[in-house]
Protein backbone atom coordinates (compact mmCIF):
# COMPACT_ATOMS: atom_id res chain seq x y z
CA MET A 1 -65.14 -50.30 -5.57
CA GLU A 2 -62.12 -48.08 -4.95
CA LYS A 3 -63.75 -45.22 -6.87
CA PHE A 4 -66.88 -45.61 -4.76
CA ILE A 5 -64.95 -45.56 -1.47
CA PHE A 6 -62.95 -42.45 -2.36
CA LYS A 7 -65.75 -40.62 -4.12
CA LYS A 8 -66.14 -36.98 -3.07
CA VAL A 9 -69.18 -36.21 -0.96
CA GLU A 10 -70.81 -32.81 -0.64
CA MET A 11 -70.42 -31.23 2.83
CA TRP A 12 -74.18 -30.69 3.20
CA VAL A 13 -74.70 -34.44 2.80
CA VAL A 14 -72.20 -35.16 5.58
CA LEU A 15 -73.88 -32.61 7.87
CA LEU A 16 -77.31 -34.05 7.09
CA VAL A 17 -76.11 -37.57 7.92
CA LEU A 18 -74.59 -36.33 11.18
CA LEU A 19 -77.86 -34.61 12.04
CA PHE A 20 -79.83 -37.79 11.47
CA VAL A 21 -77.28 -39.76 13.54
CA CYS A 22 -77.64 -37.30 16.42
CA ILE A 23 -81.43 -37.42 16.25
CA GLY A 24 -81.31 -41.21 16.10
CA ALA A 25 -78.96 -41.36 19.08
CA ILE A 26 -81.28 -39.13 21.11
CA PHE A 27 -84.30 -41.22 20.17
CA PHE A 28 -82.45 -44.46 20.96
CA GLY A 29 -81.39 -43.02 24.32
CA SER A 30 -85.00 -42.15 25.09
CA LEU A 31 -86.07 -45.70 24.27
CA VAL A 32 -83.31 -47.10 26.50
CA ARG A 33 -84.38 -44.80 29.33
CA GLU A 34 -88.00 -45.90 29.05
CA GLY A 35 -86.93 -49.53 28.94
CA ALA A 36 -84.81 -49.08 32.07
CA LYS A 37 -87.71 -47.46 33.90
CA ASP A 38 -90.03 -50.23 32.71
CA LYS A 39 -92.77 -47.68 31.98
CA GLY A 40 -93.89 -49.56 28.87
CA ARG A 41 -94.91 -46.49 26.86
CA PHE A 42 -93.09 -47.76 23.77
CA GLY A 43 -93.72 -51.44 24.38
CA ALA A 44 -91.35 -53.98 22.86
CA ILE A 45 -89.36 -51.27 21.04
CA SER A 46 -88.04 -49.76 24.29
CA ASP A 47 -87.38 -53.23 25.72
CA THR A 48 -85.33 -54.11 22.63
CA ALA A 49 -83.39 -50.85 22.81
CA TYR A 50 -82.68 -51.46 26.49
CA PHE A 51 -81.43 -54.96 25.71
CA VAL A 52 -79.15 -53.71 22.90
CA ALA A 53 -77.71 -51.03 25.17
CA SER A 54 -77.09 -53.68 27.83
CA ILE A 55 -75.10 -55.97 25.52
CA PRO A 56 -71.63 -54.61 26.54
CA GLU A 57 -72.43 -55.13 30.22
CA LEU A 58 -73.89 -58.56 29.55
CA VAL A 59 -70.76 -59.56 27.63
CA LYS A 60 -68.61 -58.28 30.48
CA ASP A 61 -70.65 -60.26 33.01
CA ALA A 62 -70.48 -63.38 30.84
CA LEU A 63 -66.68 -63.10 30.63
CA THR A 64 -66.07 -62.27 34.29
CA HIS A 65 -68.80 -63.90 36.41
CA SER A 66 -66.87 -67.15 36.74
CA ASP A 67 -64.33 -65.24 38.84
CA ASP A 68 -66.78 -62.82 40.42
CA ASN A 69 -65.45 -61.51 43.74
CA TRP A 70 -68.51 -59.37 44.38
CA MET A 71 -69.76 -61.77 47.06
CA SER A 72 -66.52 -62.03 49.04
CA VAL A 73 -65.76 -59.75 51.98
CA ALA A 74 -63.27 -56.89 51.94
CA ASP A 75 -60.88 -58.42 54.49
CA ASN A 76 -60.29 -62.14 53.93
CA ALA A 77 -57.46 -62.08 56.49
CA ARG A 78 -59.85 -61.71 59.41
CA PHE A 79 -60.45 -64.77 61.59
CA PRO A 80 -57.20 -66.55 60.60
CA GLY A 81 -57.46 -70.33 60.55
CA ARG A 82 -61.19 -70.28 61.27
CA VAL A 83 -63.68 -71.87 58.91
CA GLY A 84 -67.23 -73.14 59.37
CA TRP A 85 -68.79 -73.82 62.77
CA ASP A 86 -66.76 -73.77 65.99
CA PHE A 87 -68.49 -75.32 68.99
CA ASP A 88 -65.25 -76.39 70.69
CA ARG A 89 -65.18 -73.52 73.18
CA THR A 90 -68.19 -74.87 75.06
CA SER A 91 -69.83 -78.20 75.85
CA PRO A 92 -73.05 -79.23 74.10
CA ALA A 93 -74.92 -78.69 77.35
CA ALA A 94 -73.91 -75.02 77.35
CA ARG A 95 -75.00 -74.35 73.78
CA PRO A 96 -78.37 -72.71 73.05
CA ASP A 97 -81.14 -75.27 72.63
CA GLY A 98 -82.48 -74.62 69.16
CA TYR A 99 -81.63 -74.23 65.51
CA VAL A 100 -80.23 -71.58 63.20
CA LEU A 101 -81.59 -71.13 59.70
CA LEU A 102 -78.19 -70.20 58.32
CA SER A 103 -78.39 -67.96 55.26
CA ARG A 104 -75.07 -67.53 53.48
CA TYR A 105 -73.32 -67.25 50.16
CA ASP A 106 -71.27 -70.41 49.57
CA GLY A 107 -68.10 -69.68 47.61
CA ASP A 108 -67.68 -73.31 46.51
CA PRO A 109 -70.80 -73.76 44.33
CA ASN A 110 -70.94 -69.96 43.83
CA ARG A 111 -74.54 -69.95 44.98
CA HIS A 112 -76.46 -68.85 48.03
CA VAL A 113 -77.41 -71.68 50.39
CA LEU A 114 -79.89 -72.17 53.23
CA GLU A 115 -78.95 -74.59 56.00
CA LEU A 116 -80.91 -75.77 59.02
CA VAL A 117 -78.33 -76.24 61.78
CA ASP A 118 -78.99 -77.95 65.11
CA LEU A 119 -76.97 -75.99 67.68
CA LYS A 120 -76.96 -78.76 70.28
CA SER A 121 -75.66 -81.51 68.01
CA GLY A 122 -73.69 -79.24 65.70
CA THR A 123 -75.16 -80.90 62.60
CA THR A 124 -76.62 -79.49 59.42
CA GLU A 125 -80.00 -81.20 59.08
CA HIS A 126 -81.04 -79.74 55.73
CA ARG A 127 -79.18 -77.87 52.99
CA LEU A 128 -80.66 -76.13 49.97
CA VAL A 129 -78.47 -74.66 47.22
CA LEU A 130 -80.62 -72.03 45.55
CA ARG A 131 -81.01 -72.08 41.77
CA PRO A 132 -81.50 -68.42 40.79
CA GLU A 133 -81.27 -69.22 37.08
CA ASP A 134 -84.53 -71.15 37.59
CA ILE A 135 -86.38 -69.12 40.21
CA LEU A 136 -85.59 -65.79 38.46
CA ALA A 137 -86.16 -67.04 34.91
CA GLY A 138 -87.84 -64.33 32.82
CA TRP A 139 -87.57 -61.66 35.50
CA LYS A 140 -86.52 -58.15 34.49
CA PRO A 141 -85.21 -55.84 37.25
CA LYS A 142 -87.31 -52.72 37.71
CA GLN A 143 -84.22 -50.57 38.13
CA GLU A 144 -80.50 -50.93 37.50
CA ASN A 145 -79.39 -53.55 39.98
CA ASP A 146 -76.00 -55.21 40.24
CA ILE A 147 -76.95 -57.14 43.37
CA ALA A 148 -79.39 -59.67 41.94
CA THR A 149 -79.74 -60.22 38.23
CA ALA A 150 -81.22 -63.06 36.25
CA TRP A 151 -78.18 -63.12 33.96
CA VAL A 152 -75.67 -63.33 36.81
CA PRO A 153 -77.18 -66.00 39.07
CA GLN A 154 -73.95 -66.10 41.09
CA ARG A 155 -74.95 -62.78 42.63
CA PHE A 156 -78.34 -63.76 44.03
CA ARG A 157 -78.62 -63.82 47.82
CA ALA A 158 -81.59 -64.85 49.95
CA ILE A 159 -81.75 -61.99 52.45
CA HIS A 160 -83.55 -62.81 55.72
CA PRO A 161 -85.34 -65.94 54.47
CA TYR A 162 -88.34 -67.25 56.37
CA VAL A 163 -89.12 -70.95 56.77
CA PHE A 164 -92.74 -72.15 57.06
CA PRO A 165 -93.84 -75.03 59.30
CA ASN A 166 -94.25 -77.21 56.19
CA GLY A 167 -90.62 -76.65 55.19
CA ASP A 168 -91.28 -74.08 52.45
CA PHE A 169 -89.08 -70.98 52.27
CA MET A 170 -89.97 -67.37 51.51
CA VAL A 171 -86.94 -65.73 49.88
CA LYS A 172 -85.85 -62.56 48.10
CA ASP A 173 -82.72 -60.54 47.50
CA HIS A 174 -82.25 -56.79 47.81
CA HIS A 175 -84.64 -55.40 45.16
CA SER A 176 -85.93 -58.63 43.71
CA PRO A 177 -89.23 -60.49 43.44
CA LEU A 178 -90.62 -62.11 46.57
CA MET A 179 -90.84 -65.89 46.19
CA ARG A 180 -92.06 -68.94 48.02
CA LEU A 181 -90.05 -72.11 47.40
CA THR A 182 -90.51 -75.71 48.46
CA ALA A 183 -87.97 -77.35 50.76
CA CYS A 184 -86.31 -78.61 47.56
CA GLY A 185 -86.11 -75.15 46.00
CA ASP A 186 -88.97 -75.29 43.47
CA VAL A 187 -91.10 -72.17 42.98
CA VAL A 188 -94.55 -72.20 44.61
CA TRP A 189 -95.28 -68.59 43.63
CA ARG A 190 -93.36 -65.46 42.62
CA ASN A 191 -94.57 -61.91 43.22
CA GLU A 192 -92.95 -59.35 40.90
CA GLU A 193 -95.24 -56.50 41.96
CA VAL A 194 -93.21 -55.76 45.08
CA ASP A 195 -89.59 -54.67 44.87
CA ALA A 196 -88.61 -56.58 48.00
CA HIS A 197 -85.44 -55.89 49.97
CA HIS A 198 -83.88 -56.21 53.44
CA SER A 199 -86.00 -57.74 56.23
CA LEU A 200 -88.92 -60.18 56.06
CA SER A 201 -91.06 -60.30 59.20
CA LEU A 202 -94.08 -62.36 60.20
CA ALA A 203 -96.99 -60.34 61.64
CA PRO A 204 -99.44 -61.67 64.25
CA ASP A 205 -102.21 -62.04 61.63
CA GLY A 206 -100.07 -64.41 59.55
CA THR A 207 -99.11 -61.82 56.92
CA PHE A 208 -95.58 -60.60 56.28
CA TRP A 209 -94.06 -57.13 56.33
CA VAL A 210 -91.31 -56.45 53.80
CA PRO A 211 -89.50 -53.26 52.74
CA ASP A 212 -90.54 -52.35 49.21
CA ARG A 213 -89.89 -49.53 46.74
CA LEU A 214 -92.43 -47.37 44.93
CA PRO A 215 -92.00 -45.12 41.88
CA VAL A 216 -90.86 -41.59 42.67
CA SER A 217 -93.97 -40.34 40.88
CA SER A 218 -95.95 -41.30 43.97
CA TYR A 219 -95.35 -37.77 45.26
CA GLY A 220 -94.05 -36.16 42.07
CA GLY A 221 -91.48 -33.58 41.16
CA VAL A 222 -88.45 -35.56 42.35
CA ALA A 223 -85.38 -36.27 40.25
CA ASP A 224 -84.86 -39.68 38.67
CA GLY A 225 -83.04 -42.08 40.95
CA PHE A 226 -84.68 -40.86 44.15
CA SER A 227 -85.30 -43.92 46.34
CA ASN A 228 -88.78 -43.97 47.82
CA PRO A 229 -89.12 -46.98 50.14
CA ALA A 230 -92.42 -48.49 51.14
CA ALA A 231 -93.65 -50.67 53.97
CA SER A 232 -95.59 -53.45 52.29
CA ARG A 233 -97.62 -56.36 53.58
CA VAL A 234 -98.20 -59.64 51.73
CA ASP A 235 -99.91 -62.87 52.67
CA ALA A 236 -98.49 -66.39 52.58
CA TYR A 237 -99.86 -66.85 49.05
CA GLY A 238 -98.01 -63.84 47.63
CA ASN A 239 -100.99 -61.46 47.51
CA VAL A 240 -100.26 -57.82 48.31
CA ILE A 241 -102.40 -56.57 51.21
CA SER A 242 -101.05 -53.01 51.42
CA ARG A 243 -98.16 -50.77 50.33
CA ARG A 244 -97.37 -47.50 52.14
CA SER A 245 -94.90 -44.98 50.74
CA ILE A 246 -92.59 -43.78 53.50
CA GLY A 247 -91.87 -40.59 51.57
CA ASP A 248 -95.61 -39.82 51.37
CA LEU A 249 -95.95 -40.65 55.06
CA PHE A 250 -93.19 -38.17 55.95
CA VAL A 251 -94.77 -35.43 53.83
CA LYS A 252 -98.19 -36.05 55.36
CA HIS A 253 -96.81 -35.68 58.88
CA GLY A 254 -94.80 -32.52 58.20
CA LEU A 255 -91.44 -34.29 58.03
CA GLU A 256 -90.56 -33.26 54.48
CA HIS A 257 -87.49 -31.46 55.89
CA LEU A 258 -85.98 -34.90 56.56
CA LEU A 259 -86.15 -35.68 52.85
CA PHE A 260 -85.18 -32.44 51.11
CA ASP A 261 -83.22 -29.28 51.83
CA GLU A 262 -81.58 -26.55 49.79
CA ALA A 263 -78.28 -28.42 49.44
CA ASP A 264 -77.51 -31.26 47.04
CA LEU A 265 -80.31 -33.81 46.73
CA ASN A 266 -79.79 -36.97 48.76
CA LEU A 267 -81.17 -39.73 46.53
CA ASN A 268 -81.54 -42.14 49.45
CA PRO A 269 -82.50 -40.14 52.56
CA MET A 270 -84.58 -42.89 54.18
CA HIS A 271 -83.15 -46.38 53.40
CA LEU A 272 -85.72 -48.60 55.09
CA ASN A 273 -83.97 -51.78 56.23
CA ASP A 274 -86.23 -53.38 58.85
CA ILE A 275 -89.92 -53.60 59.73
CA GLU A 276 -90.66 -55.16 63.12
CA PRO A 277 -94.34 -56.00 63.85
CA VAL A 278 -95.81 -55.61 67.34
CA TRP A 279 -97.52 -58.81 68.46
CA SER A 280 -99.33 -57.69 71.63
CA ASP A 281 -100.72 -54.54 73.24
CA GLY A 282 -98.57 -52.72 75.75
CA PRO A 283 -98.37 -49.39 77.55
CA HIS A 284 -96.45 -47.83 74.64
CA TRP A 285 -97.80 -49.61 71.55
CA LYS A 286 -100.67 -51.62 70.13
CA ARG A 287 -100.83 -55.00 68.43
CA GLY A 288 -100.49 -54.32 64.72
CA ASP A 289 -98.05 -51.41 65.09
CA VAL A 290 -94.68 -51.73 63.39
CA PHE A 291 -91.26 -50.31 64.19
CA LEU A 292 -89.28 -49.09 61.17
CA SER A 293 -85.51 -48.75 60.92
CA LEU A 294 -84.35 -45.95 58.59
CA ARG A 295 -80.59 -46.24 58.26
CA ALA A 296 -79.72 -43.03 56.39
CA SER A 297 -81.05 -40.77 59.16
CA SER A 298 -80.26 -43.17 62.05
CA THR A 299 -83.98 -43.16 62.85
CA ILE A 300 -86.26 -45.66 64.57
CA MET A 301 -89.96 -44.95 64.05
CA GLN A 302 -93.15 -46.47 65.47
CA TYR A 303 -95.93 -46.50 62.86
CA ARG A 304 -99.58 -47.43 63.29
CA PRO A 305 -101.02 -48.71 59.96
CA GLU A 306 -104.56 -48.77 61.37
CA THR A 307 -104.65 -44.95 61.57
CA ASP A 308 -101.68 -44.08 59.32
CA GLU A 309 -99.99 -42.33 62.26
CA ILE A 310 -96.38 -41.92 63.30
CA ILE A 311 -96.65 -42.61 67.03
CA TRP A 312 -93.01 -42.12 68.03
CA MET A 313 -89.63 -41.61 66.42
CA ARG A 314 -86.06 -40.97 67.52
CA GLN A 315 -82.77 -40.29 65.78
CA GLY A 316 -79.73 -41.81 67.52
CA PRO A 317 -77.67 -42.30 69.54
CA TRP A 318 -77.46 -45.38 67.25
CA ARG A 319 -75.72 -44.79 63.93
CA ALA A 320 -76.64 -46.36 60.55
CA GLN A 321 -78.52 -49.10 62.44
CA HIS A 322 -80.06 -52.31 61.10
CA ASP A 323 -82.67 -54.43 62.88
CA VAL A 324 -85.00 -53.37 65.66
CA ASP A 325 -86.64 -55.93 67.99
CA ILE A 326 -89.10 -55.72 70.89
CA VAL A 327 -87.59 -56.93 74.18
CA ASN A 328 -90.51 -56.49 76.59
CA ASP A 329 -93.57 -54.27 77.01
CA HIS A 330 -91.48 -51.12 77.47
CA THR A 331 -88.13 -51.83 75.77
CA ILE A 332 -86.87 -52.17 72.22
CA ALA A 333 -83.36 -53.09 71.11
CA ILE A 334 -81.49 -51.95 68.00
CA PHE A 335 -78.51 -53.43 66.15
CA ASP A 336 -76.35 -50.30 66.12
CA ASN A 337 -73.74 -50.53 63.35
CA ASN A 338 -72.07 -47.55 65.06
CA ALA A 339 -70.80 -46.51 61.64
CA LEU A 340 -70.18 -43.15 60.02
CA ASN A 341 -68.36 -41.57 57.11
CA LYS A 342 -66.13 -38.54 57.63
CA GLY A 343 -65.27 -38.32 53.96
CA LYS A 344 -62.77 -41.18 53.88
CA GLY A 345 -65.18 -44.08 53.60
CA VAL A 346 -67.45 -45.84 56.09
CA GLN A 347 -65.86 -46.83 59.37
CA VAL A 348 -67.15 -48.55 62.49
CA LEU A 349 -66.29 -46.73 65.70
CA GLY A 350 -64.71 -49.65 67.53
CA HIS A 351 -67.44 -52.27 67.35
CA ASN A 352 -71.15 -52.79 66.71
CA GLN A 353 -73.53 -52.39 69.61
CA VAL A 354 -76.99 -53.59 70.59
CA SER A 355 -78.70 -50.55 72.08
CA PHE A 356 -81.63 -51.08 74.45
CA TYR A 357 -84.09 -48.18 74.61
CA ASP A 358 -86.48 -48.02 77.60
CA PHE A 359 -89.68 -46.08 76.89
CA GLU A 360 -90.37 -45.66 80.61
CA THR A 361 -87.03 -44.08 81.50
CA ASP A 362 -86.14 -42.61 78.06
CA LYS A 363 -82.65 -44.07 78.48
CA VAL A 364 -80.37 -46.12 76.23
CA SER A 365 -78.12 -48.90 77.53
CA GLY A 366 -75.81 -51.49 76.02
CA PRO A 367 -75.69 -54.63 78.18
CA PHE A 368 -73.78 -56.58 75.48
CA ASP A 369 -71.28 -53.85 74.61
CA GLU A 370 -68.33 -55.50 76.34
CA ALA A 371 -69.12 -58.90 74.84
CA LEU A 372 -69.42 -57.44 71.32
CA ALA A 373 -66.15 -55.56 71.79
CA ALA A 374 -64.34 -58.69 73.02
CA ALA A 375 -65.65 -60.67 70.03
CA ASP A 376 -64.69 -57.79 67.68
CA VAL A 377 -68.11 -57.65 66.02
CA ARG A 378 -67.93 -54.76 63.52
CA THR A 379 -69.89 -54.96 60.29
CA PRO A 380 -70.33 -51.52 58.68
CA PHE A 381 -73.39 -52.57 56.64
CA GLY A 382 -76.14 -55.10 57.19
CA GLY A 383 -76.02 -57.14 60.35
CA LEU A 384 -78.70 -58.28 62.74
CA PHE A 385 -79.15 -59.65 66.25
CA GLU A 386 -81.54 -61.87 68.14
CA LEU A 387 -81.94 -62.32 71.88
CA LEU A 388 -82.22 -66.06 72.47
CA PRO A 389 -84.45 -67.71 75.10
CA ASP A 390 -81.47 -68.52 77.35
CA GLY A 391 -80.42 -64.85 77.47
CA SER A 392 -77.53 -65.12 75.02
CA LEU A 393 -77.14 -62.95 71.94
CA LEU A 394 -76.94 -64.06 68.31
CA ALA A 395 -75.20 -61.46 66.15
CA GLU A 396 -74.48 -61.69 62.44
CA GLU A 397 -71.70 -59.72 60.77
CA THR A 398 -73.25 -59.83 57.31
CA THR A 399 -70.49 -58.10 55.33
CA ASN A 400 -67.72 -59.77 57.35
CA GLY A 401 -69.06 -63.29 56.84
CA ARG A 402 -69.46 -64.32 60.47
CA LEU A 403 -72.17 -65.30 62.96
CA VAL A 404 -71.54 -65.51 66.73
CA ILE A 405 -73.59 -66.44 69.79
CA LEU A 406 -72.38 -64.65 72.93
CA GLU A 407 -73.06 -64.60 76.63
CA ARG A 408 -73.17 -61.19 78.34
CA ASP A 409 -69.82 -61.96 79.97
CA GLY A 410 -68.24 -62.29 76.53
CA ARG A 411 -68.10 -66.09 76.40
CA VAL A 412 -68.51 -67.38 72.82
CA LEU A 413 -71.04 -70.21 72.71
CA ALA A 414 -70.80 -70.77 68.96
CA GLU A 415 -69.22 -69.16 65.93
CA PHE A 416 -69.57 -69.60 62.18
CA VAL A 417 -67.04 -68.16 59.71
CA ASN A 418 -68.24 -68.34 56.11
CA ARG A 419 -64.92 -69.25 54.51
CA ALA A 420 -64.86 -71.35 51.31
CA SER A 421 -62.19 -73.74 50.06
CA ASP A 422 -60.54 -70.90 48.10
CA GLY A 423 -59.68 -69.25 51.42
CA LYS A 424 -62.03 -66.33 50.86
CA ILE A 425 -64.78 -65.32 53.28
CA TYR A 426 -68.22 -64.69 51.75
CA PHE A 427 -71.24 -62.63 52.77
CA MET A 428 -73.94 -63.85 55.09
CA GLY A 429 -77.65 -63.35 54.33
CA TRP A 430 -79.42 -62.49 57.63
CA SER A 431 -79.93 -65.76 59.49
CA ARG A 432 -82.67 -66.70 61.98
CA PHE A 433 -82.93 -68.59 65.26
CA LEU A 434 -85.59 -71.29 65.64
CA THR A 435 -86.74 -72.84 68.90
CA ARG A 436 -86.19 -76.56 69.54
CA ALA A 437 -89.88 -77.36 68.96
CA ASP A 438 -90.14 -75.39 65.71
CA GLY A 439 -86.78 -76.63 64.44
CA ASP A 440 -87.56 -80.29 65.14
CA GLN A 441 -90.87 -80.08 63.27
CA ILE A 442 -89.32 -78.32 60.27
CA ARG A 443 -86.39 -80.76 60.23
CA ASP A 444 -88.75 -83.72 60.06
CA VAL A 445 -90.84 -82.37 57.16
CA MET A 446 -87.72 -81.31 55.27
CA GLN A 447 -86.16 -84.73 55.55
CA ALA A 448 -89.45 -86.33 54.51
CA ALA A 449 -89.48 -84.18 51.36
CA GLY A 450 -86.83 -86.43 49.82
CA CYS A 451 -84.95 -83.68 48.01
CA GLU A 452 -82.09 -84.77 45.78
CA ALA A 453 -78.52 -83.46 45.62
CA ASP A 454 -79.00 -80.16 47.41
CA THR A 455 -79.91 -81.53 50.83
CA GLY A 456 -78.66 -83.96 53.37
CA ARG A 457 -77.35 -84.25 56.88
CA SER A 458 -73.66 -83.55 57.37
CA ASP A 459 -71.52 -83.15 60.46
CA SER A 460 -70.34 -79.57 61.06
């Protein structure tokens, strides 16, 4: 054995072995690349190579996910002494009459939860702890994705979930399948064709608009990693009705200069984060139009799917905005993160704003600016707002783990701080307001579903 180990080897043999090793490494790398892109040209071989190359990361996740701080906010010292709902600053009569579908990451079970909360009574009428290890079973991400992975279920979040009148939920994460679940969390259907992310919005015809992502080959010649968002429409049964590449749309309308220039390539020049459908005709839009929010360029755009036209668009004065809503027949409002990066990281300039744009006067106003400043609402990423029927404002600080309901004069009607028993604050997941009538109906069918363990009424 010793003679074999120390036997002299000709140099040409060593060089030949090294050559074969290099060729093998290149071939293995190509297989891994194809597996990561999910192109399927080499079938199971590329999938196996991709899995082998992923083993170190999988082992790391397996060793560390039990203490995974990815879902906790950057500043756990904010909101000292505050945890859960606070209705004590106002009487029940002064609270908004309705419900919140609270979407949040719960640091105690280390899972995302959906809760139906009655704002008048302050009670949680239904609670669902999502089971991503079940609902994502067998799913393979289309691209590298640390946000939602089947092998790290602790990281799944239900971003902007929708609840149906029968108590079912439509859920997704950022860049995940789109799924419909029962009130008890069982899968009704799962659509892996779309690469769903950010908002989920009901259209007047009963379909849903959701930001999607298409392969960069859709308009060719772009480097790997270039993010090409799409505005996609699906029905309540998970069938895809349409998918429109935003990059192709820009090129068609002579806006290619917003995507590419002679400087370094921006791999994410659009970043579609909200699609808001128009429900009725007006002097400035038609039923069926949609407003798109493109964060990277601080752009709001009105798009008409019927004719594939860009009707209107404007950059700023909002910065890195999320969420655009229609206020009346001549006004839209935008959740302005008011954030920028001067080379030292993202910072919010004071506080978030809700900017109202009037198409008739071409002016921007901020009627809730003082209230948002007084409440210190300042999430650099994510975030949304909703104008409630009583005139108050619901604002969610997604990456700060807080939801507030404010009057224009700055009075706080309700506040939720997503702090767990470990003292850490965890991310929110884009919550929704429901009217009293809708919330009562959904509450009743959810309670009649008889779900075990994950649901139940509890005082807040």
